[in-house]
N, C-alpha and C. Protein backbone atom coordinates (compact mmCIF):
# COMPACT_ATOMS: atom_id res chain seq x y z
N MET A 1 -17.16 5.88 -15.83
CA MET A 1 -16.83 4.54 -15.40
C MET A 1 -15.54 4.62 -14.52
N THR A 2 -15.60 4.29 -13.22
CA THR A 2 -14.34 4.32 -12.36
C THR A 2 -13.66 2.96 -12.51
N THR A 3 -12.34 3.11 -12.31
CA THR A 3 -11.51 1.99 -12.22
C THR A 3 -11.82 1.06 -11.07
N PRO A 4 -11.55 -0.13 -11.03
CA PRO A 4 -11.82 -1.10 -9.83
C PRO A 4 -10.95 -0.58 -8.65
N ILE A 5 -11.48 -0.73 -7.62
CA ILE A 5 -10.88 -0.38 -6.38
C ILE A 5 -9.61 -1.36 -6.25
N PRO A 6 -8.34 -0.70 -6.09
CA PRO A 6 -7.25 -1.58 -6.05
C PRO A 6 -7.16 -2.37 -4.63
N THR A 7 -6.29 -3.38 -4.92
CA THR A 7 -6.22 -4.36 -3.74
C THR A 7 -4.90 -4.10 -2.93
N VAL A 8 -4.78 -4.65 -1.70
CA VAL A 8 -3.40 -4.49 -1.01
C VAL A 8 -2.31 -4.88 -1.79
N ARG A 9 -2.64 -5.97 -2.48
CA ARG A 9 -1.37 -6.57 -3.31
C ARG A 9 -0.75 -5.55 -4.17
N SER A 10 -1.44 -4.54 -4.78
CA SER A 10 -1.01 -3.71 -5.69
C SER A 10 -0.05 -2.63 -5.02
N CYS A 11 -0.11 -2.53 -3.65
CA CYS A 11 0.68 -1.56 -2.89
C CYS A 11 1.52 -2.10 -1.79
N MET A 12 1.39 -3.42 -1.48
CA MET A 12 2.38 -3.73 -0.50
C MET A 12 3.78 -3.93 -0.85
N SER A 13 4.66 -3.93 0.21
CA SER A 13 5.99 -4.11 -0.07
C SER A 13 6.50 -5.51 0.52
N PRO A 14 7.49 -6.01 0.04
CA PRO A 14 7.99 -7.17 0.67
C PRO A 14 8.61 -6.99 2.07
N PRO A 15 8.57 -7.85 2.99
CA PRO A 15 9.26 -7.59 4.30
C PRO A 15 10.59 -7.06 4.18
N LEU A 16 10.97 -6.20 5.06
CA LEU A 16 12.47 -5.61 5.00
C LEU A 16 13.35 -6.86 5.35
N PHE A 17 12.96 -7.57 6.33
CA PHE A 17 13.78 -8.72 6.77
C PHE A 17 12.97 -9.49 7.72
N LYS A 18 13.18 -10.72 7.98
CA LYS A 18 12.55 -11.58 8.92
C LYS A 18 13.48 -12.17 10.12
N LEU A 19 12.76 -12.29 11.21
CA LEU A 19 13.52 -12.77 12.50
C LEU A 19 12.98 -14.14 12.67
N TYR A 20 13.70 -14.96 13.44
CA TYR A 20 13.39 -16.32 13.67
C TYR A 20 13.36 -16.40 15.29
N PRO A 21 12.60 -17.29 15.62
CA PRO A 21 12.21 -17.42 17.10
C PRO A 21 13.49 -17.78 17.89
N ASP A 22 14.52 -18.53 17.51
CA ASP A 22 15.61 -19.02 18.18
C ASP A 22 16.87 -18.03 18.03
N GLN A 23 16.58 -16.82 17.35
CA GLN A 23 17.60 -15.86 17.12
C GLN A 23 17.95 -15.07 18.54
N ASP A 24 18.93 -14.77 18.90
CA ASP A 24 19.41 -13.98 19.86
C ASP A 24 18.71 -12.56 19.90
N VAL A 25 17.96 -12.10 20.90
CA VAL A 25 17.29 -10.88 20.85
C VAL A 25 18.24 -9.67 20.56
N PHE A 26 19.29 -9.68 21.06
CA PHE A 26 20.30 -8.53 20.99
C PHE A 26 20.86 -8.61 19.42
N GLN A 27 20.83 -9.69 18.82
CA GLN A 27 21.18 -9.77 17.45
C GLN A 27 19.95 -9.13 16.64
N ALA A 28 18.78 -9.47 17.14
CA ALA A 28 17.54 -8.83 16.41
C ALA A 28 17.58 -7.35 16.51
N ILE A 29 17.96 -6.79 17.73
CA ILE A 29 17.92 -5.40 18.04
C ILE A 29 18.93 -4.73 17.10
N LYS A 30 20.11 -5.43 16.96
CA LYS A 30 21.17 -4.86 16.02
C LYS A 30 20.47 -4.86 14.48
N MET A 31 19.85 -5.75 14.08
CA MET A 31 19.26 -5.89 12.73
C MET A 31 18.13 -4.62 12.58
N LEU A 32 17.13 -4.59 13.69
CA LEU A 32 16.21 -3.49 13.62
C LEU A 32 16.89 -2.11 13.57
N LEU A 33 17.81 -1.96 14.24
CA LEU A 33 18.60 -0.56 14.14
C LEU A 33 19.31 -0.26 12.99
N GLY A 34 19.98 -1.34 12.49
CA GLY A 34 20.63 -1.32 11.13
C GLY A 34 19.67 -1.04 9.93
N LYS A 35 18.52 -1.64 10.16
CA LYS A 35 17.54 -1.48 8.81
C LYS A 35 16.72 -0.08 9.18
N GLY A 36 16.89 0.47 10.39
CA GLY A 36 15.88 1.65 10.70
C GLY A 36 14.32 1.20 10.69
N SER A 37 14.13 0.05 11.30
CA SER A 37 12.92 -0.60 11.30
C SER A 37 12.37 -0.62 12.63
N SER A 38 10.91 -0.26 12.88
CA SER A 38 10.33 -0.38 14.16
C SER A 38 9.90 -1.59 14.39
N GLY A 39 10.04 -2.71 13.69
CA GLY A 39 9.68 -3.93 14.08
C GLY A 39 9.93 -4.84 12.80
N ALA A 40 9.72 -6.14 13.10
CA ALA A 40 10.12 -7.19 12.19
C ALA A 40 9.12 -8.55 12.30
N PRO A 41 8.57 -9.05 11.45
CA PRO A 41 7.92 -10.42 11.46
C PRO A 41 8.88 -11.47 12.06
N VAL A 42 8.30 -12.28 12.87
CA VAL A 42 8.96 -13.49 13.35
C VAL A 42 8.35 -14.71 12.71
N VAL A 43 9.25 -15.49 12.11
CA VAL A 43 8.71 -16.64 11.25
C VAL A 43 9.28 -17.94 11.60
N ASP A 44 8.70 -19.03 11.13
CA ASP A 44 9.24 -20.27 11.19
C ASP A 44 10.09 -20.52 9.80
N GLU A 45 10.67 -21.83 9.64
CA GLU A 45 11.21 -22.16 8.49
C GLU A 45 10.31 -22.22 7.31
N GLN A 46 9.00 -22.57 7.46
CA GLN A 46 8.09 -22.43 6.39
C GLN A 46 7.49 -20.98 5.87
N ASN A 47 8.01 -20.11 6.60
CA ASN A 47 7.65 -18.68 6.47
C ASN A 47 6.29 -18.40 7.05
N HIS A 48 5.81 -19.24 8.08
CA HIS A 48 4.53 -18.98 8.67
C HIS A 48 4.82 -17.90 9.78
N LEU A 49 3.86 -16.85 9.96
CA LEU A 49 4.03 -15.90 10.83
C LEU A 49 3.80 -16.29 12.20
N LEU A 50 4.79 -16.18 13.14
CA LEU A 50 4.75 -16.54 14.55
C LEU A 50 4.39 -15.34 15.49
N GLY A 51 4.89 -14.21 15.18
CA GLY A 51 4.77 -12.99 16.04
C GLY A 51 5.40 -11.86 15.43
N ILE A 52 5.53 -10.64 16.26
CA ILE A 52 6.15 -9.53 15.79
C ILE A 52 7.09 -9.18 16.80
N LEU A 53 8.48 -8.91 16.53
CA LEU A 53 9.26 -8.10 17.50
C LEU A 53 9.31 -6.66 17.05
N THR A 54 8.83 -5.79 18.06
CA THR A 54 8.70 -4.48 17.91
C THR A 54 9.74 -3.75 18.86
N GLU A 55 9.95 -2.45 18.59
CA GLU A 55 10.90 -1.68 19.33
C GLU A 55 10.52 -1.75 20.87
N LYS A 56 9.22 -1.59 21.10
CA LYS A 56 8.84 -1.87 22.42
C LYS A 56 9.07 -3.08 23.15
N ASP A 57 8.99 -4.26 22.30
CA ASP A 57 9.45 -5.45 22.91
C ASP A 57 11.00 -5.45 23.33
N CYS A 58 11.78 -4.67 22.33
CA CYS A 58 13.20 -4.78 22.54
C CYS A 58 13.33 -4.01 23.73
N LEU A 59 12.72 -2.81 23.79
CA LEU A 59 12.98 -1.99 25.13
C LEU A 59 12.73 -2.91 26.31
N ARG A 60 11.69 -3.64 26.58
CA ARG A 60 11.34 -4.54 27.53
C ARG A 60 12.47 -5.57 27.80
N ALA A 61 13.06 -6.04 26.70
CA ALA A 61 14.10 -7.08 26.89
C ALA A 61 15.32 -6.38 27.47
N VAL A 62 15.72 -5.27 26.94
CA VAL A 62 16.76 -4.48 27.39
C VAL A 62 16.65 -3.95 28.88
N SER A 63 15.44 -3.55 29.26
CA SER A 63 15.33 -3.18 30.61
C SER A 63 15.24 -4.31 31.56
N VAL A 64 14.79 -5.45 31.18
CA VAL A 64 14.84 -6.56 32.22
C VAL A 64 16.32 -6.95 32.40
N SER A 65 17.16 -6.88 31.40
CA SER A 65 18.48 -7.32 31.57
C SER A 65 19.34 -6.33 32.37
N ALA A 66 18.85 -5.06 32.25
CA ALA A 66 19.57 -4.07 33.13
C ALA A 66 19.35 -4.31 34.55
N TYR A 67 18.34 -4.88 35.15
CA TYR A 67 18.14 -5.09 36.39
C TYR A 67 18.54 -6.51 36.84
N ASP A 68 18.71 -7.25 36.01
CA ASP A 68 19.06 -8.80 36.22
C ASP A 68 20.06 -9.22 35.24
N ALA A 69 21.42 -9.08 35.48
CA ALA A 69 22.42 -9.44 34.52
C ALA A 69 22.30 -10.96 34.08
N SER A 70 21.71 -11.86 34.97
CA SER A 70 21.60 -13.19 34.61
C SER A 70 20.57 -13.33 33.55
N LEU A 71 19.68 -12.41 33.30
CA LEU A 71 18.74 -12.46 32.09
C LEU A 71 19.25 -11.79 30.87
N LEU A 72 20.49 -11.51 30.80
CA LEU A 72 21.06 -10.80 29.63
C LEU A 72 20.91 -11.76 28.36
N GLY A 73 20.38 -11.08 27.33
CA GLY A 73 20.16 -11.87 26.05
C GLY A 73 18.68 -12.49 26.05
N GLY A 74 18.76 -13.58 25.64
CA GLY A 74 17.36 -14.39 25.48
C GLY A 74 17.14 -14.65 23.92
N LYS A 75 16.14 -15.17 23.72
CA LYS A 75 15.62 -15.45 22.23
C LYS A 75 14.61 -14.53 22.03
N VAL A 76 14.43 -14.39 20.73
CA VAL A 76 13.33 -13.51 20.07
C VAL A 76 12.07 -14.07 20.58
N ALA A 77 11.90 -15.34 20.49
CA ALA A 77 10.62 -15.93 20.92
C ALA A 77 10.20 -15.49 22.30
N ASP A 78 11.15 -15.14 23.20
CA ASP A 78 10.77 -14.80 24.62
C ASP A 78 10.27 -13.29 24.59
N SER A 79 10.60 -12.50 23.69
CA SER A 79 10.26 -11.03 23.71
C SER A 79 9.21 -10.62 22.61
N MET A 80 9.01 -11.42 21.61
CA MET A 80 8.09 -11.07 20.58
C MET A 80 6.70 -10.93 21.07
N SER A 81 5.86 -10.10 20.37
CA SER A 81 4.48 -9.96 20.64
C SER A 81 3.70 -10.82 19.75
N PRO A 82 2.49 -11.11 20.19
CA PRO A 82 1.64 -11.99 19.26
C PRO A 82 0.98 -11.04 18.15
N VAL A 83 0.69 -11.72 17.09
CA VAL A 83 0.11 -10.89 15.91
C VAL A 83 -1.31 -10.80 16.32
N ARG A 84 -1.77 -9.54 16.15
CA ARG A 84 -3.38 -9.17 16.45
C ARG A 84 -3.97 -8.91 15.23
N VAL A 85 -3.38 -8.31 14.20
CA VAL A 85 -4.11 -8.06 13.11
C VAL A 85 -3.34 -8.30 11.76
N THR A 86 -3.94 -9.02 10.88
CA THR A 86 -3.12 -9.18 9.56
C THR A 86 -4.02 -8.77 8.41
N ILE A 87 -3.42 -8.74 7.26
CA ILE A 87 -4.23 -8.20 6.05
C ILE A 87 -3.99 -9.30 5.00
N ASP A 88 -5.11 -9.66 4.24
CA ASP A 88 -5.18 -10.45 3.06
C ASP A 88 -4.68 -9.70 1.84
N PRO A 89 -3.81 -10.13 0.98
CA PRO A 89 -3.30 -9.39 -0.21
C PRO A 89 -4.43 -9.03 -1.14
N ASP A 90 -5.54 -9.72 -1.12
CA ASP A 90 -6.67 -9.61 -2.09
C ASP A 90 -7.71 -8.66 -1.51
N MET A 91 -7.44 -8.18 -0.32
CA MET A 91 -8.39 -7.21 0.46
C MET A 91 -8.30 -5.83 -0.27
N ASP A 92 -9.49 -5.15 -0.61
CA ASP A 92 -9.33 -3.87 -1.26
C ASP A 92 -8.87 -2.84 -0.28
N VAL A 93 -8.14 -1.86 -0.92
CA VAL A 93 -7.55 -0.82 0.07
C VAL A 93 -8.39 -0.16 1.03
N PHE A 94 -9.59 0.05 0.78
CA PHE A 94 -10.54 0.68 1.73
C PHE A 94 -10.93 -0.20 2.86
N ALA A 95 -10.99 -1.48 2.70
CA ALA A 95 -11.08 -2.43 3.78
C ALA A 95 -9.77 -2.35 4.76
N ALA A 96 -8.86 -2.29 4.00
CA ALA A 96 -7.35 -2.31 4.75
C ALA A 96 -7.40 -0.90 5.55
N VAL A 97 -7.80 0.18 5.00
CA VAL A 97 -7.91 1.40 5.69
C VAL A 97 -8.77 1.18 6.95
N HIS A 98 -9.78 0.49 6.96
CA HIS A 98 -10.73 0.54 8.14
C HIS A 98 -9.92 -0.46 9.18
N LEU A 99 -9.07 -1.33 8.90
CA LEU A 99 -8.38 -2.04 9.81
C LEU A 99 -7.30 -1.12 10.49
N PHE A 100 -6.71 -0.22 9.67
CA PHE A 100 -5.78 0.68 10.30
C PHE A 100 -6.53 1.70 11.25
N LEU A 101 -7.78 2.06 10.93
CA LEU A 101 -8.47 2.99 11.78
C LEU A 101 -8.75 2.40 13.02
N GLU A 102 -8.96 1.02 13.07
CA GLU A 102 -9.30 0.37 14.40
C GLU A 102 -8.12 -0.06 15.16
N THR A 103 -6.76 0.12 14.70
CA THR A 103 -5.65 -0.12 15.45
C THR A 103 -4.62 1.11 15.49
N ASN A 104 -3.56 0.81 16.42
CA ASN A 104 -2.62 1.99 16.34
C ASN A 104 -1.40 1.68 15.57
N PHE A 105 -1.49 0.67 14.74
CA PHE A 105 -0.33 0.12 14.02
C PHE A 105 -0.06 0.84 12.83
N ASN A 106 1.16 1.18 12.48
CA ASN A 106 1.77 1.98 11.29
C ASN A 106 1.84 1.06 10.11
N VAL A 107 2.20 -0.23 10.32
CA VAL A 107 2.41 -1.19 9.37
C VAL A 107 1.74 -2.55 9.88
N LEU A 108 1.16 -3.13 8.88
CA LEU A 108 0.52 -4.58 9.05
C LEU A 108 1.13 -5.61 8.28
N PRO A 109 1.28 -6.87 8.68
CA PRO A 109 1.88 -7.89 7.91
C PRO A 109 0.56 -8.40 7.01
N VAL A 110 1.05 -8.81 5.73
CA VAL A 110 0.21 -9.30 4.76
C VAL A 110 0.54 -10.82 4.66
N LEU A 111 -0.61 -11.64 4.89
CA LEU A 111 -0.33 -12.93 4.86
C LEU A 111 -1.41 -13.65 4.00
N GLU A 112 -0.76 -14.74 3.21
CA GLU A 112 -1.50 -15.50 2.36
C GLU A 112 -1.27 -16.92 2.58
N GLU A 113 -2.37 -17.62 2.90
CA GLU A 113 -2.36 -18.94 3.33
C GLU A 113 -1.49 -19.28 4.58
N GLY A 114 -1.47 -18.14 5.57
CA GLY A 114 -0.72 -18.23 6.77
C GLY A 114 0.85 -17.86 6.59
N LYS A 115 1.02 -17.60 5.49
CA LYS A 115 2.64 -17.27 5.24
C LYS A 115 2.55 -15.70 4.97
N ILE A 116 3.69 -15.20 5.40
CA ILE A 116 3.89 -13.65 5.25
C ILE A 116 4.32 -13.41 3.74
N VAL A 117 3.64 -12.52 3.18
CA VAL A 117 4.03 -12.27 1.73
C VAL A 117 4.45 -10.86 1.48
N GLY A 118 4.20 -10.02 2.72
CA GLY A 118 4.58 -8.58 2.42
C GLY A 118 4.03 -7.94 3.79
N ARG A 119 4.14 -6.54 3.53
CA ARG A 119 3.73 -5.64 4.60
C ARG A 119 3.20 -4.36 3.91
N VAL A 120 2.04 -3.84 4.52
CA VAL A 120 1.51 -2.56 4.03
C VAL A 120 1.43 -1.53 5.16
N SER A 121 1.73 -0.26 4.77
CA SER A 121 1.73 0.81 5.75
C SER A 121 0.62 1.67 5.55
N ARG A 122 0.36 2.55 6.38
CA ARG A 122 -0.80 3.62 6.29
C ARG A 122 -0.36 4.58 5.01
N ARG A 123 1.00 4.74 4.91
CA ARG A 123 1.49 5.55 3.70
C ARG A 123 1.20 4.95 2.51
N ASP A 124 1.48 3.60 2.45
CA ASP A 124 1.23 2.86 1.12
C ASP A 124 -0.09 2.91 0.64
N LEU A 125 -1.11 2.81 1.68
CA LEU A 125 -2.50 2.94 1.31
C LEU A 125 -2.90 4.37 0.89
N LEU A 126 -2.25 5.32 1.36
CA LEU A 126 -2.64 6.71 0.99
C LEU A 126 -2.27 6.90 -0.40
N ARG A 127 -0.84 6.59 -0.62
CA ARG A 127 -0.31 6.76 -2.11
C ARG A 127 -1.36 5.97 -3.07
N LYS A 128 -1.71 4.78 -2.74
CA LYS A 128 -2.39 4.04 -3.81
C LYS A 128 -3.82 4.61 -3.93
N ILE A 129 -4.39 5.14 -2.84
CA ILE A 129 -5.78 5.67 -3.07
C ILE A 129 -5.72 7.05 -3.66
N ARG A 130 -4.80 7.86 -3.44
CA ARG A 130 -4.60 9.09 -4.14
C ARG A 130 -4.43 8.92 -5.56
N LYS A 131 -3.49 7.96 -6.05
CA LYS A 131 -3.26 7.55 -7.36
C LYS A 131 -4.56 7.09 -8.06
N TRP A 132 -5.45 6.22 -7.30
CA TRP A 132 -6.70 5.65 -7.90
C TRP A 132 -7.63 6.82 -8.03
N GLN A 133 -7.74 7.64 -7.02
CA GLN A 133 -8.51 8.88 -7.14
C GLN A 133 -8.20 9.91 -8.39
N THR A 134 -7.03 10.09 -8.48
CA THR A 134 -6.51 10.92 -9.59
C THR A 134 -6.79 10.27 -11.05
N GLU A 135 -6.68 8.97 -11.08
CA GLU A 135 -6.87 8.28 -12.34
C GLU A 135 -8.38 8.48 -12.72
N ASN A 136 -9.21 8.25 -11.65
CA ASN A 136 -10.50 8.34 -11.91
C ASN A 136 -11.20 9.76 -12.17
N ILE A 137 -10.40 10.81 -11.69
CA ILE A 137 -10.80 12.24 -12.14
C ILE A 137 -10.43 12.39 -13.33
N ARG A 138 -9.14 11.98 -13.82
CA ARG A 138 -8.74 12.11 -15.25
C ARG A 138 -9.69 11.38 -16.20
N ARG A 139 -10.12 10.15 -15.97
CA ARG A 139 -11.16 9.47 -16.72
C ARG A 139 -12.23 10.10 -16.76
N LYS A 140 -12.84 10.73 -15.74
CA LYS A 140 -14.13 11.51 -15.81
C LYS A 140 -14.01 12.72 -16.68
N ARG A 141 -12.84 13.41 -16.68
CA ARG A 141 -12.66 14.52 -17.40
C ARG A 141 -12.63 14.15 -18.84
N ARG A 142 -11.90 13.12 -19.21
CA ARG A 142 -11.78 12.67 -20.72
C ARG A 142 -13.11 12.43 -21.16
N ASP A 143 -13.99 11.58 -20.36
CA ASP A 143 -15.31 11.21 -20.77
C ASP A 143 -16.13 12.47 -21.09
N GLN A 144 -16.12 13.40 -20.15
CA GLN A 144 -16.84 14.66 -20.31
C GLN A 144 -16.50 15.35 -21.49
N GLN A 145 -15.12 15.39 -21.82
CA GLN A 145 -14.59 16.10 -22.95
C GLN A 145 -15.17 15.35 -24.13
N ALA A 146 -15.25 14.12 -24.13
CA ALA A 146 -15.60 13.19 -25.41
C ALA A 146 -17.20 13.82 -25.55
N ILE A 147 -17.98 13.74 -24.48
CA ILE A 147 -19.40 14.08 -24.58
C ILE A 147 -19.49 15.50 -25.17
N GLU A 148 -18.70 16.45 -24.62
CA GLU A 148 -18.86 17.69 -25.22
C GLU A 148 -18.40 17.86 -26.58
N ALA A 149 -17.42 17.16 -27.14
CA ALA A 149 -17.03 17.12 -28.47
C ALA A 149 -17.96 16.50 -29.30
N GLU A 150 -18.66 15.52 -28.86
CA GLU A 150 -19.76 14.89 -29.45
C GLU A 150 -20.93 15.83 -29.77
N GLN A 151 -21.17 16.70 -28.76
CA GLN A 151 -22.23 17.71 -28.84
C GLN A 151 -21.90 18.75 -30.00
N HIS A 152 -20.69 19.06 -30.11
CA HIS A 152 -20.08 20.26 -30.95
C HIS A 152 -19.68 19.68 -32.43
N ARG A 153 -19.84 18.54 -32.62
CA ARG A 153 -19.55 18.04 -33.92
C ARG A 153 -20.36 18.55 -35.04
N PRO A 154 -19.74 19.17 -36.04
CA PRO A 154 -20.64 19.80 -37.18
C PRO A 154 -21.50 18.75 -38.00
N SER A 155 -22.74 19.21 -38.25
CA SER A 155 -23.60 18.25 -38.90
C SER A 155 -23.75 18.64 -40.52
N SER A 156 -23.09 19.75 -40.87
CA SER A 156 -23.10 20.10 -42.22
C SER A 156 -21.77 20.71 -42.72
N ILE A 157 -21.48 20.89 -43.98
CA ILE A 157 -20.27 21.55 -44.49
C ILE A 157 -20.20 22.92 -43.97
N GLU A 158 -21.30 23.58 -43.87
CA GLU A 158 -21.26 25.06 -43.55
C GLU A 158 -20.89 24.99 -42.07
N ALA A 159 -21.52 24.26 -41.21
CA ALA A 159 -21.24 24.16 -39.70
C ALA A 159 -19.77 23.85 -39.61
N MET A 160 -19.22 22.89 -40.48
CA MET A 160 -17.72 22.45 -40.31
C MET A 160 -16.83 23.72 -40.67
N GLN A 161 -17.14 24.36 -41.74
CA GLN A 161 -16.43 25.53 -42.12
C GLN A 161 -16.32 26.50 -40.81
N LYS A 162 -17.48 26.76 -40.22
CA LYS A 162 -17.56 27.81 -39.11
C LYS A 162 -16.62 27.20 -37.88
N MET A 163 -16.73 25.88 -37.66
CA MET A 163 -16.12 25.33 -36.50
C MET A 163 -14.65 25.37 -36.84
N VAL A 164 -14.20 25.07 -38.08
CA VAL A 164 -12.65 25.16 -38.37
C VAL A 164 -12.27 26.52 -38.18
N GLY A 165 -12.93 27.50 -38.74
CA GLY A 165 -12.47 28.88 -38.50
C GLY A 165 -12.51 29.40 -37.22
N SER A 166 -13.26 28.93 -36.18
CA SER A 166 -13.36 29.43 -34.85
C SER A 166 -12.57 28.70 -33.78
N HIS A 167 -12.06 27.62 -34.20
CA HIS A 167 -11.28 26.76 -33.10
C HIS A 167 -9.76 26.69 -33.55
N LYS A 168 -9.15 26.37 -32.54
CA LYS A 168 -7.54 26.11 -32.79
C LYS A 168 -7.52 24.72 -33.57
N LYS A 169 -6.33 24.81 -34.23
CA LYS A 169 -6.15 23.51 -35.10
C LYS A 169 -6.16 22.21 -34.19
N GLU A 170 -5.50 22.33 -32.98
CA GLU A 170 -5.53 21.07 -32.17
C GLU A 170 -6.97 20.64 -31.70
N GLN A 171 -7.79 21.75 -31.45
CA GLN A 171 -9.14 21.39 -31.19
C GLN A 171 -9.91 20.80 -32.19
N VAL A 172 -9.78 21.08 -33.38
CA VAL A 172 -10.43 20.66 -34.61
C VAL A 172 -10.04 19.19 -34.81
N ALA A 173 -8.60 19.02 -34.67
CA ALA A 173 -8.12 17.61 -34.69
C ALA A 173 -8.78 16.75 -33.73
N GLU A 174 -8.91 17.25 -32.44
CA GLU A 174 -9.46 16.38 -31.32
C GLU A 174 -10.75 16.04 -31.68
N ILE A 175 -11.62 17.03 -32.12
CA ILE A 175 -13.03 16.67 -32.60
C ILE A 175 -13.14 15.64 -33.58
N PHE A 176 -12.40 15.80 -34.71
CA PHE A 176 -12.40 14.85 -35.68
C PHE A 176 -11.77 13.40 -35.39
N HIS A 177 -10.77 13.58 -34.56
CA HIS A 177 -10.23 12.10 -33.98
C HIS A 177 -11.41 11.36 -33.11
N LYS A 178 -12.08 12.06 -32.30
CA LYS A 178 -12.98 11.52 -31.46
C LYS A 178 -14.15 11.02 -32.27
N SER A 179 -14.44 11.59 -33.55
CA SER A 179 -15.67 11.15 -34.29
C SER A 179 -15.21 9.72 -34.97
N GLN A 180 -14.01 9.53 -35.10
CA GLN A 180 -13.59 8.37 -35.73
C GLN A 180 -13.58 7.14 -34.72
N GLU A 181 -13.70 7.41 -33.55
CA GLU A 181 -13.47 6.30 -32.45
C GLU A 181 -14.92 5.57 -32.36
């Protein structure tokens, strides 16, 4: 029996930080650089996702101001990108993988009732799926060992004496332990 497929909620992280549409774009760039982040969600006061400010958006803002000093600065809302793909926290991890395979994004926002509740990355999904697969392999091995132990359980005193004499103490203990379950 395999364990249930995990959901995005089990591997998502909270947003590193949030930006607001009226924030100065250069202040936002400073925050991105300071946090080592390639992008951040832009939200309103109710935490509804309005857009994403990415490094590419910031490069665009910086390059425009380099050619026209009168455009220096600006608001995050003027530079942010629209949100194209979001993930539901209760989506299973394999459905989320499918979304990542259809896009070029490394990280996607996780929304619940239109509000940002986290973020999930390709790496988060890989870690969770690997852990899930490892747990299933271990469970399968334990189940197989239980079946084998059941098949080798002695049915008479003579067979028990033979088994005790030919197995290590730990193996005998495991066989008798499993017989009590």
